[in-house]
């Protein structure tokens, strides 16, 4: 045994991350429908706190601070809901667009299993988001921390884009959320994981990228508050955002990361059955 090697590597290899992601994905796929639903509705509710803080910041900063500063402030508070969800281990659709696909690619899961997971998580996330939207529309103005007009302004801005803009924006958001899942597993401690969640979701917030669940809270709050945004606008937003989020996380992270991580020669590779196969480095690679 080589005693000169450190007991713990400074960073995880792609293969190590993939193994942990596969384990987490299979754990979610095998969970009961009731547990999935409760965890997912919790995620939809918790994520609403991002919107709550955004609305509060925009209300407090109205006519007091320059628009670029307001945008920076909102980006800084945007990650709170995601930190609550990711660190609380709730099920979020935009994470599962990556996690659920990895076991499928490794042959450990079927499309039926993936669609069951996505269906339960997605519906429960939306339900939680809708409930939170209703609560914040009632509570925010009565606490005098949110101007009701802010709800309508945020919703109107989100749904005002052409379908292809929303689709590409959501693809970028899904891509980033898939990377979030991958990098959180790569983090070795809670602080580093929180920093990862903060940086990635702040990027989504600053770039106004479309996220299906946070966006649901934002658009429904505008609909509940007034008539400037309609349910037809919401359907337009939700369709293209969902497709973009799913493609971004499923292809740009799950497919590409699986493709290169399973071929890693550093500490073993993932074989065709999704199992870890340890071996020596090929002489041709030396």
C-alpha atoms as a PDB file:
ATOM      1  CA  UNK A   1       0.000   0.000   0.000  1.00  0.00           C
ATOM      2  CA  UNK A   2       1.309   3.436  -0.918  1.00  0.00           C
ATOM      3  CA  UNK A   3       1.340   5.439   2.330  1.00  0.00           C
ATOM      4  CA  UNK A   4       2.560   8.588   0.568  1.00  0.00           C
ATOM      5  CA  UNK A   5      -0.886   9.272  -0.917  1.00  0.00           C
ATOM      6  CA  UNK A   6      -3.078  11.748   0.974  1.00  0.00           C
ATOM      7  CA  UNK A   7      -6.016  10.235   2.855  1.00  0.00           C
ATOM      8  CA  UNK A   8      -8.432  12.572   1.122  1.00  0.00           C
ATOM      9  CA  UNK A   9      -8.105  14.163  -2.300  1.00  0.00           C
ATOM     10  CA  UNK A  10      -8.431  17.953  -2.465  1.00  0.00           C
ATOM     11  CA  UNK A  11     -11.299  17.593  -4.907  1.00  0.00           C
ATOM     12  CA  UNK A  12     -13.583  14.867  -6.171  1.00  0.00           C
ATOM     13  CA  UNK A  13     -13.037  13.340  -9.579  1.00  0.00           C
ATOM     14  CA  UNK A  14     -15.847  13.472 -12.179  1.00  0.00           C
ATOM     15  CA  UNK A  15     -16.308   9.751 -11.621  1.00  0.00           C
ATOM     16  CA  UNK A  16     -16.835  10.209  -7.884  1.00  0.00           C
ATOM     17  CA  UNK A  17     -19.370  12.950  -8.496  1.00  0.00           C
ATOM     18  CA  UNK A  18     -21.198  10.791 -11.026  1.00  0.00           C
ATOM     19  CA  UNK A  19     -21.403   7.891  -8.583  1.00  0.00           C
ATOM     20  CA  UNK A  20     -22.948  10.127  -5.938  1.00  0.00           C
ATOM     21  CA  UNK A  21     -25.333  11.717  -8.437  1.00  0.00           C
ATOM     22  CA  UNK A  22     -26.435   8.268  -9.622  1.00  0.00           C
ATOM     23  CA  UNK A  23     -27.061   7.209  -6.037  1.00  0.00           C
ATOM     24  CA  UNK A  24     -29.085  10.345  -5.318  1.00  0.00           C
ATOM     25  CA  UNK A  25     -31.039   9.994  -8.545  1.00  0.00           C
ATOM     26  CA  UNK A  26     -31.917   6.360  -7.851  1.00  0.00           C
ATOM     27  CA  UNK A  27     -32.919   7.255  -4.297  1.00  0.00           C
ATOM     28  CA  UNK A  28     -35.423   9.805  -5.622  1.00  0.00           C
ATOM     29  CA  UNK A  29     -36.733   7.433  -8.289  1.00  0.00           C
ATOM     30  CA  UNK A  30     -37.389   4.706  -5.723  1.00  0.00           C
ATOM     31  CA  UNK A  31     -39.120   6.998  -3.234  1.00  0.00           C
ATOM     32  CA  UNK A  32     -42.844   6.525  -2.619  1.00  0.00           C
ATOM     33  CA  UNK A  33     -45.293   8.845  -4.359  1.00  0.00           C
ATOM     34  CA  UNK A  34     -46.458  10.311  -1.052  1.00  0.00           C
ATOM     35  CA  UNK A  35     -42.950  11.165   0.100  1.00  0.00           C
ATOM     36  CA  UNK A  36     -42.091  12.643  -3.283  1.00  0.00           C
ATOM     37  CA  UNK A  37     -45.237  14.771  -3.298  1.00  0.00           C
ATOM     38  CA  UNK A  38     -44.717  16.143   0.216  1.00  0.00           C
ATOM     39  CA  UNK A  39     -41.042  16.903  -0.410  1.00  0.00           C
ATOM     40  CA  UNK A  40     -41.868  18.578  -3.730  1.00  0.00           C
ATOM     41  CA  UNK A  41     -44.719  20.722  -2.418  1.00  0.00           C
ATOM     42  CA  UNK A  42     -42.347  21.846   0.324  1.00  0.00           C
ATOM     43  CA  UNK A  43     -39.819  22.869  -2.341  1.00  0.00           C
ATOM     44  CA  UNK A  44     -42.447  24.908  -4.212  1.00  0.00           C
ATOM     45  CA  UNK A  45     -43.405  26.706  -1.014  1.00  0.00           C
ATOM     46  CA  UNK A  46     -39.834  27.333   0.147  1.00  0.00           C
ATOM     47  CA  UNK A  47     -38.745  28.648  -3.237  1.00  0.00           C
ATOM     48  CA  UNK A  48     -41.381  31.367  -2.919  1.00  0.00           C
ATOM     49  CA  UNK A  49     -39.222  33.183  -0.365  1.00  0.00           C
ATOM     50  CA  UNK A  50     -36.940  34.235  -3.218  1.00  0.00           C
ATOM     51  CA  UNK A  51     -39.874  36.052  -4.791  1.00  0.00           C
ATOM     52  CA  UNK A  52     -40.967  37.505  -1.444  1.00  0.00           C
ATOM     53  CA  UNK A  53     -37.576  39.148  -0.916  1.00  0.00           C
ATOM     54  CA  UNK A  54     -37.416  40.368  -4.508  1.00  0.00           C
ATOM     55  CA  UNK A  55     -40.808  42.057  -4.119  1.00  0.00           C
ATOM     56  CA  UNK A  56     -39.769  43.613  -0.796  1.00  0.00           C
ATOM     57  CA  UNK A  57     -36.498  44.943  -2.251  1.00  0.00           C
ATOM     58  CA  UNK A  58     -38.252  46.416  -5.286  1.00  0.00           C
ATOM     59  CA  UNK A  59     -40.819  48.085  -3.028  1.00  0.00           C
ATOM     60  CA  UNK A  60     -38.241  49.570  -0.669  1.00  0.00           C
ATOM     61  CA  UNK A  61     -36.007  50.719  -3.513  1.00  0.00           C
ATOM     62  CA  UNK A  62     -38.784  52.314  -5.589  1.00  0.00           C
ATOM     63  CA  UNK A  63     -37.743  55.825  -6.696  1.00  0.00           C
ATOM     64  CA  UNK A  64     -34.933  55.727  -4.135  1.00  0.00           C
ATOM     65  CA  UNK A  65     -32.200  53.746  -5.864  1.00  0.00           C
ATOM     66  CA  UNK A  66     -30.972  53.610  -9.455  1.00  0.00           C
ATOM     67  CA  UNK A  67     -32.253  50.648 -11.547  1.00  0.00           C
ATOM     68  CA  UNK A  68     -28.838  48.926 -11.847  1.00  0.00           C
ATOM     69  CA  UNK A  69     -28.467  48.899  -8.061  1.00  0.00           C
ATOM     70  CA  UNK A  70     -31.989  47.495  -7.658  1.00  0.00           C
ATOM     71  CA  UNK A  71     -31.138  44.703 -10.109  1.00  0.00           C
ATOM     72  CA  UNK A  72     -28.001  43.879  -8.134  1.00  0.00           C
ATOM     73  CA  UNK A  73     -29.904  43.798  -4.847  1.00  0.00           C
ATOM     74  CA  UNK A  74     -32.593  41.526  -6.243  1.00  0.00           C
ATOM     75  CA  UNK A  75     -29.920  39.156  -7.578  1.00  0.00           C
ATOM     76  CA  UNK A  76     -28.376  38.994  -4.108  1.00  0.00           C
ATOM     77  CA  UNK A  77     -31.654  37.993  -2.408  1.00  0.00           C
ATOM     78  CA  UNK A  78     -32.821  35.672  -5.213  1.00  0.00           C
ATOM     79  CA  UNK A  79     -30.779  32.659  -3.948  1.00  0.00           C
ATOM     80  CA  UNK A  80     -32.510  32.401  -0.533  1.00  0.00           C
ATOM     81  CA  UNK A  81     -35.314  30.098  -1.669  1.00  0.00           C
ATOM     82  CA  UNK A  82     -32.874  27.856  -3.529  1.00  0.00           C
ATOM     83  CA  UNK A  83     -30.632  27.579  -0.469  1.00  0.00           C
ATOM     84  CA  UNK A  84     -33.666  26.537   1.595  1.00  0.00           C
ATOM     85  CA  UNK A  85     -34.620  23.903  -0.974  1.00  0.00           C
ATOM     86  CA  UNK A  86     -31.200  22.473  -1.813  1.00  0.00           C
ATOM     87  CA  UNK A  87     -29.817  22.383   1.716  1.00  0.00           C
ATOM     88  CA  UNK A  88     -33.184  21.167   3.033  1.00  0.00           C
ATOM     89  CA  UNK A  89     -33.060  18.263   0.556  1.00  0.00           C
ATOM     90  CA  UNK A  90     -36.476  18.948  -0.973  1.00  0.00           C
ATOM     91  CA  UNK A  91     -37.271  17.772  -4.498  1.00  0.00           C
ATOM     92  CA  UNK A  92     -37.104  20.475  -7.175  1.00  0.00           C
ATOM     93  CA  UNK A  93     -38.046  19.836 -10.796  1.00  0.00           C
ATOM     94  CA  UNK A  94     -35.121  21.754 -12.277  1.00  0.00           C
ATOM     95  CA  UNK A  95     -32.655  19.647 -10.282  1.00  0.00           C
ATOM     96  CA  UNK A  96     -34.402  16.428 -11.250  1.00  0.00           C
ATOM     97  CA  UNK A  97     -34.074  17.230 -14.957  1.00  0.00           C
ATOM     98  CA  UNK A  98     -30.450  16.204 -14.407  1.00  0.00           C
ATOM     99  CA  UNK A  99     -30.584  13.749 -11.497  1.00  0.00           C
ATOM    100  CA  UNK A 100     -33.339  11.557 -12.949  1.00  0.00           C
ATOM    101  CA  UNK A 101     -31.697  11.336 -16.372  1.00  0.00           C
ATOM    102  CA  UNK A 102     -28.375   9.966 -15.086  1.00  0.00           C
ATOM    103  CA  UNK A 103     -29.815   6.600 -13.906  1.00  0.00           C
ATOM    104  CA  UNK A 104     -31.673   6.411 -17.217  1.00  0.00           C
ATOM    105  CA  UNK A 105     -28.419   6.827 -19.143  1.00  0.00           C
ATOM    106  CA  UNK A 106     -26.682   4.218 -16.977  1.00  0.00           C
ATOM    107  CA  UNK A 107     -29.454   1.689 -17.575  1.00  0.00           C
ATOM    108  CA  UNK A 108     -30.551   1.618 -13.934  1.00  0.00           C
ATOM    109  CA  UNK A 109     -33.910   3.333 -14.594  1.00  0.00           C
ATOM    110  CA  UNK A 110     -36.581   3.405 -17.282  1.00  0.00           C
ATOM    111  CA  UNK A 111     -38.461   6.256 -18.939  1.00  0.00           C
ATOM    112  CA  UNK A 112     -41.561   5.195 -17.011  1.00  0.00           C
ATOM    113  CA  UNK A 113     -39.725   5.724 -13.728  1.00  0.00           C
ATOM    114  CA  UNK A 114     -38.385   9.082 -14.854  1.00  0.00           C
ATOM    115  CA  UNK A 115     -41.757  10.350 -16.076  1.00  0.00           C
ATOM    116  CA  UNK A 116     -43.410   9.263 -12.818  1.00  0.00           C
ATOM    117  CA  UNK A 117     -40.819  11.221 -10.833  1.00  0.00           C
ATOM    118  CA  UNK A 118     -41.009  14.300 -13.039  1.00  0.00           C
ATOM    119  CA  UNK A 119     -44.809  14.297 -13.019  1.00  0.00           C
ATOM    120  CA  UNK A 120     -45.119  14.147  -9.237  1.00  0.00           C
ATOM    121  CA  UNK A 121     -42.321  16.638  -8.546  1.00  0.00           C
ATOM    122  CA  UNK A 122     -43.461  19.102 -11.209  1.00  0.00           C
ATOM    123  CA  UNK A 123     -47.126  19.146 -10.183  1.00  0.00           C
ATOM    124  CA  UNK A 124     -46.305  19.392  -6.479  1.00  0.00           C
ATOM    125  CA  UNK A 125     -43.750  22.163  -7.108  1.00  0.00           C
ATOM    126  CA  UNK A 126     -46.357  24.145  -9.043  1.00  0.00           C
ATOM    127  CA  UNK A 127     -48.964  23.596  -6.342  1.00  0.00           C
ATOM    128  CA  UNK A 128     -46.583  24.809  -3.646  1.00  0.00           C
ATOM    129  CA  UNK A 129     -45.658  27.826  -5.765  1.00  0.00           C
ATOM    130  CA  UNK A 130     -49.333  28.682  -6.334  1.00  0.00           C
ATOM    131  CA  UNK A 131     -50.103  28.459  -2.609  1.00  0.00           C
ATOM    132  CA  UNK A 132     -47.184  30.709  -1.760  1.00  0.00           C
ATOM    133  CA  UNK A 133     -48.241  33.223  -4.430  1.00  0.00           C
ATOM    134  CA  UNK A 134     -51.676  33.434  -2.833  1.00  0.00           C
ATOM    135  CA  UNK A 135     -50.208  33.873   0.644  1.00  0.00           C
ATOM    136  CA  UNK A 136     -47.731  36.586  -0.337  1.00  0.00           C
ATOM    137  CA  UNK A 137     -50.384  38.603  -2.201  1.00  0.00           C
ATOM    138  CA  UNK A 138     -52.464  38.629   0.988  1.00  0.00           C
ATOM    139  CA  UNK A 139     -49.681  39.174   3.498  1.00  0.00           C
ATOM    140  CA  UNK A 140     -47.144  41.415   1.735  1.00  0.00           C
ATOM    141  CA  UNK A 141     -49.324  44.493   1.166  1.00  0.00           C
ATOM    142  CA  UNK A 142     -50.986  44.187   4.593  1.00  0.00           C
ATOM    143  CA  UNK A 143     -47.583  44.155   6.258  1.00  0.00           C
ATOM    144  CA  UNK A 144     -46.797  47.302   4.223  1.00  0.00           C
ATOM    145  CA  UNK A 145     -43.578  45.754   2.932  1.00  0.00           C
ATOM    146  CA  UNK A 146     -44.737  45.115  -0.644  1.00  0.00           C
ATOM    147  CA  UNK A 147     -46.479  47.526  -2.994  1.00  0.00           C
ATOM    148  CA  UNK A 148     -49.242  45.553  -4.791  1.00  0.00           C
ATOM    149  CA  UNK A 149     -48.186  47.167  -8.066  1.00  0.00           C
ATOM    150  CA  UNK A 150     -44.836  45.402  -7.786  1.00  0.00           C
ATOM    151  CA  UNK A 151     -46.559  42.020  -8.207  1.00  0.00           C
ATOM    152  CA  UNK A 152     -48.045  43.092 -11.520  1.00  0.00           C
ATOM    153  CA  UNK A 153     -44.835  44.705 -12.760  1.00  0.00           C
ATOM    154  CA  UNK A 154     -42.769  41.577 -12.098  1.00  0.00           C
ATOM    155  CA  UNK A 155     -45.318  39.232 -13.697  1.00  0.00           C
ATOM    156  CA  UNK A 156     -45.811  41.446 -16.746  1.00  0.00           C
ATOM    157  CA  UNK A 157     -42.088  41.590 -17.406  1.00  0.00           C
ATOM    158  CA  UNK A 158     -41.631  37.818 -17.187  1.00  0.00           C
ATOM    159  CA  UNK A 159     -44.343  36.919 -19.713  1.00  0.00           C
ATOM    160  CA  UNK A 160     -43.642  39.728 -22.175  1.00  0.00           C
ATOM    161  CA  UNK A 161     -41.053  37.869 -24.280  1.00  0.00           C
ATOM    162  CA  UNK A 162     -41.458  35.874 -27.496  1.00  0.00           C
ATOM    163  CA  UNK A 163     -41.647  32.096 -27.092  1.00  0.00           C
ATOM    164  CA  UNK A 164     -38.167  31.462 -28.444  1.00  0.00           C
ATOM    165  CA  UNK A 165     -36.612  33.978 -26.065  1.00  0.00           C
ATOM    166  CA  UNK A 166     -38.306  32.286 -23.095  1.00  0.00           C
ATOM    167  CA  UNK A 167     -37.243  28.851 -24.391  1.00  0.00           C
ATOM    168  CA  UNK A 168     -33.573  29.799 -24.738  1.00  0.00           C
ATOM    169  CA  UNK A 169     -33.579  31.734 -21.468  1.00  0.00           C
ATOM    170  CA  UNK A 170     -35.085  28.723 -19.690  1.00  0.00           C
ATOM    171  CA  UNK A 171     -32.534  26.419 -21.316  1.00  0.00           C
ATOM    172  CA  UNK A 172     -29.739  28.467 -19.785  1.00  0.00           C
ATOM    173  CA  UNK A 173     -31.507  28.411 -16.405  1.00  0.00           C
ATOM    174  CA  UNK A 174     -31.968  24.623 -16.603  1.00  0.00           C
ATOM    175  CA  UNK A 175     -28.335  24.223 -17.600  1.00  0.00           C
ATOM    176  CA  UNK A 176     -27.242  26.235 -14.557  1.00  0.00           C
ATOM    177  CA  UNK A 177     -29.568  24.291 -12.238  1.00  0.00           C
ATOM    178  CA  UNK A 178     -28.118  21.029 -13.518  1.00  0.00           C
ATOM    179  CA  UNK A 179     -24.619  22.355 -12.832  1.00  0.00           C
ATOM    180  CA  UNK A 180     -25.799  23.390  -9.382  1.00  0.00           C
ATOM    181  CA  UNK A 181     -26.772  19.798  -8.618  1.00  0.00           C
ATOM    182  CA  UNK A 182     -23.461  18.516  -9.965  1.00  0.00           C
ATOM    183  CA  UNK A 183     -21.325  21.054  -8.105  1.00  0.00           C
ATOM    184  CA  UNK A 184     -23.180  20.739  -4.790  1.00  0.00           C
ATOM    185  CA  UNK A 185     -22.201  17.066  -4.809  1.00  0.00           C
ATOM    186  CA  UNK A 186     -18.631  18.126  -5.602  1.00  0.00           C
ATOM    187  CA  UNK A 187     -18.577  20.388  -2.536  1.00  0.00           C
ATOM    188  CA  UNK A 188     -17.095  18.785   0.559  1.00  0.00           C
ATOM    189  CA  UNK A 189     -18.786  20.890   3.254  1.00  0.00           C
ATOM    190  CA  UNK A 190     -21.981  22.841   3.893  1.00  0.00           C
ATOM    191  CA  UNK A 191     -20.400  26.285   3.499  1.00  0.00           C
ATOM    192  CA  UNK A 192     -18.959  25.488   0.071  1.00  0.00           C
ATOM    193  CA  UNK A 193     -22.312  24.051  -1.021  1.00  0.00           C
ATOM    194  CA  UNK A 194     -24.163  27.200   0.073  1.00  0.00           C
ATOM    195  CA  UNK A 195     -21.661  29.356  -1.815  1.00  0.00           C
ATOM    196  CA  UNK A 196     -22.190  27.247  -4.944  1.00  0.00           C
ATOM    197  CA  UNK A 197     -25.986  27.562  -4.680  1.00  0.00           C
ATOM    198  CA  UNK A 198     -25.671  31.302  -4.089  1.00  0.00           C
ATOM    199  CA  UNK A 199     -23.379  31.984  -7.035  1.00  0.00           C
ATOM    200  CA  UNK A 200     -25.335  29.931  -9.560  1.00  0.00           C
ATOM    201  CA  UNK A 201     -28.820  31.107  -8.586  1.00  0.00           C
ATOM    202  CA  UNK A 202     -27.676  34.729  -8.268  1.00  0.00           C
ATOM    203  CA  UNK A 203     -26.555  34.400 -11.901  1.00  0.00           C
ATOM    204  CA  UNK A 204     -30.052  33.200 -12.838  1.00  0.00           C
ATOM    205  CA  UNK A 205     -31.594  36.114 -10.955  1.00  0.00           C
ATOM    206  CA  UNK A 206     -29.265  38.782 -12.320  1.00  0.00           C
ATOM    207  CA  UNK A 207     -29.730  37.514 -15.861  1.00  0.00           C
ATOM    208  CA  UNK A 208     -33.539  37.311 -15.502  1.00  0.00           C
ATOM    209  CA  UNK A 209     -33.381  33.748 -16.795  1.00  0.00           C
ATOM    210  CA  UNK A 210     -36.704  31.906 -16.767  1.00  0.00           C
ATOM    211  CA  UNK A 211     -37.157  29.336 -14.000  1.00  0.00           C
ATOM    212  CA  UNK A 212     -40.417  27.393 -14.145  1.00  0.00           C
ATOM    213  CA  UNK A 213     -41.085  27.202 -10.395  1.00  0.00           C
ATOM    214  CA  UNK A 214     -39.916  30.621  -9.182  1.00  0.00           C
ATOM    215  CA  UNK A 215     -41.531  32.110 -12.278  1.00  0.00           C
ATOM    216  CA  UNK A 216     -44.813  30.419 -11.373  1.00  0.00           C
ATOM    217  CA  UNK A 217     -44.848  32.246  -8.039  1.00  0.00           C
ATOM    218  CA  UNK A 218     -44.020  35.524  -9.785  1.00  0.00           C
ATOM    219  CA  UNK A 219     -46.607  35.239 -12.553  1.00  0.00           C
ATOM    220  CA  UNK A 220     -49.431  33.870 -10.378  1.00  0.00           C
ATOM    221  CA  UNK A 221     -48.893  36.628  -7.808  1.00  0.00           C
ATOM    222  CA  UNK A 222     -49.394  39.153 -10.614  1.00  0.00           C
ATOM    223  CA  UNK A 223     -52.545  37.352 -11.779  1.00  0.00           C
ATOM    224  CA  UNK A 224     -53.964  37.160  -8.243  1.00  0.00           C
ATOM    225  CA  UNK A 225     -53.236  40.844  -7.704  1.00  0.00           C
ATOM    226  CA  UNK A 226     -54.635  42.388 -10.889  1.00  0.00           C
ATOM    227  CA  UNK A 227     -55.641  41.917 -14.506  1.00  0.00           C
ATOM    228  CA  UNK A 228     -52.532  43.040 -16.386  1.00  0.00           C
ATOM    229  CA  UNK A 229     -51.384  39.414 -16.652  1.00  0.00           C
ATOM    230  CA  UNK A 230     -53.745  36.600 -17.645  1.00  0.00           C
ATOM    231  CA  UNK A 231     -53.803  32.817 -17.304  1.00  0.00           C
ATOM    232  CA  UNK A 232     -53.133  32.633 -21.044  1.00  0.00           C
ATOM    233  CA  UNK A 233     -49.913  34.556 -20.408  1.00  0.00           C
ATOM    234  CA  UNK A 234     -49.099  32.089 -17.626  1.00  0.00           C
ATOM    235  CA  UNK A 235     -49.686  29.100 -19.926  1.00  0.00           C
ATOM    236  CA  UNK A 236     -47.406  30.677 -22.563  1.00  0.00           C
ATOM    237  CA  UNK A 237     -44.691  31.224 -19.947  1.00  0.00           C
ATOM    238  CA  UNK A 238     -45.024  27.794 -18.347  1.00  0.00           C
ATOM    239  CA  UNK A 239     -44.929  25.777 -21.575  1.00  0.00           C
ATOM    240  CA  UNK A 240     -41.720  27.239 -22.967  1.00  0.00           C
ATOM    241  CA  UNK A 241     -40.013  27.608 -19.604  1.00  0.00           C
ATOM    242  CA  UNK A 242     -40.661  23.983 -18.676  1.00  0.00           C
ATOM    243  CA  UNK A 243     -39.357  22.717 -22.017  1.00  0.00           C
ATOM    244  CA  UNK A 244     -36.262  24.905 -21.776  1.00  0.00           C
ATOM    245  CA  UNK A 245     -35.507  23.949 -18.173  1.00  0.00           C
ATOM    246  CA  UNK A 246     -35.874  20.236 -18.968  1.00  0.00           C
ATOM    247  CA  UNK A 247     -33.642  20.414 -22.039  1.00  0.00           C
ATOM    248  CA  UNK A 248     -30.977  22.550 -20.373  1.00  0.00           C
ATOM    249  CA  UNK A 249     -30.570  20.263 -17.382  1.00  0.00           C
ATOM    250  CA  UNK A 250     -31.155  17.026 -19.252  1.00  0.00           C
ATOM    251  CA  UNK A 251     -28.796  17.556 -22.176  1.00  0.00           C
ATOM    252  CA  UNK A 252     -26.141  20.112 -21.259  1.00  0.00           C
ATOM    253  CA  UNK A 253     -25.484  18.556 -17.858  1.00  0.00           C
ATOM    254  CA  UNK A 254     -26.844  15.000 -17.592  1.00  0.00           C
ATOM    255  CA  UNK A 255     -25.865  13.756 -21.065  1.00  0.00           C
ATOM    256  CA  UNK A 256     -22.563  15.625 -21.395  1.00  0.00           C
ATOM    257  CA  UNK A 257     -21.368  15.054 -17.828  1.00  0.00           C
ATOM    258  CA  UNK A 258     -22.310  11.369 -17.981  1.00  0.00           C
ATOM    259  CA  UNK A 259     -20.455  11.036 -21.269  1.00  0.00           C
ATOM    260  CA  UNK A 260     -17.159  12.297 -19.928  1.00  0.00           C
ATOM    261  CA  UNK A 261     -17.369  11.236 -16.271  1.00  0.00           C
ATOM    262  CA  UNK A 262     -18.062   7.560 -17.012  1.00  0.00           C
ATOM    263  CA  UNK A 263     -14.832   7.433 -19.066  1.00  0.00           C
ATOM    264  CA  UNK A 264     -12.708   8.904 -16.289  1.00  0.00           C
ATOM    265  CA  UNK A 265      -9.598   6.833 -15.656  1.00  0.00           C
ATOM    266  CA  UNK A 266      -8.698   8.612 -12.430  1.00  0.00           C
ATOM    267  CA  UNK A 267     -10.252   6.233  -9.896  1.00  0.00           C
ATOM    268  CA  UNK A 268     -12.450   3.983 -11.955  1.00  0.00           C
ATOM    269  CA  UNK A 269     -15.188   4.346 -14.512  1.00  0.00           C
ATOM    270  CA  UNK A 270     -18.896   3.669 -14.724  1.00  0.00           C
ATOM    271  CA  UNK A 271     -19.523   0.546 -16.768  1.00  0.00           C
ATOM    272  CA  UNK A 272     -22.459  -0.094 -19.095  1.00  0.00           C
ATOM    273  CA  UNK A 273     -24.621  -1.129 -16.119  1.00  0.00           C
ATOM    274  CA  UNK A 274     -23.860   2.023 -14.202  1.00  0.00           C
ATOM    275  CA  UNK A 275     -21.520   0.218 -11.789  1.00  0.00           C
ATOM    276  CA  UNK A 276     -18.042   1.333 -10.798  1.00  0.00           C
ATOM    277  CA  UNK A 277     -15.259  -0.566 -12.513  1.00  0.00           C
ATOM    278  CA  UNK A 278     -11.805  -0.018 -11.045  1.00  0.00           C
ATOM    279  CA  UNK A 279      -8.856  -0.559 -13.342  1.00  0.00           C
ATOM    280  CA  UNK A 280      -5.378   0.577 -14.120  1.00  0.00           C
ATOM    281  CA  UNK A 281      -4.760   3.443 -16.444  1.00  0.00           C
ATOM    282  CA  UNK A 282      -4.289   2.299 -20.035  1.00  0.00           C
ATOM    283  CA  UNK A 283      -0.680   2.310 -21.076  1.00  0.00           C
ATOM    284  CA  UNK A 284      -1.644   4.162 -24.223  1.00  0.00           C
ATOM    285  CA  UNK A 285      -2.909   7.017 -22.071  1.00  0.00           C
ATOM    286  CA  UNK A 286       0.365   7.387 -20.206  1.00  0.00           C
END
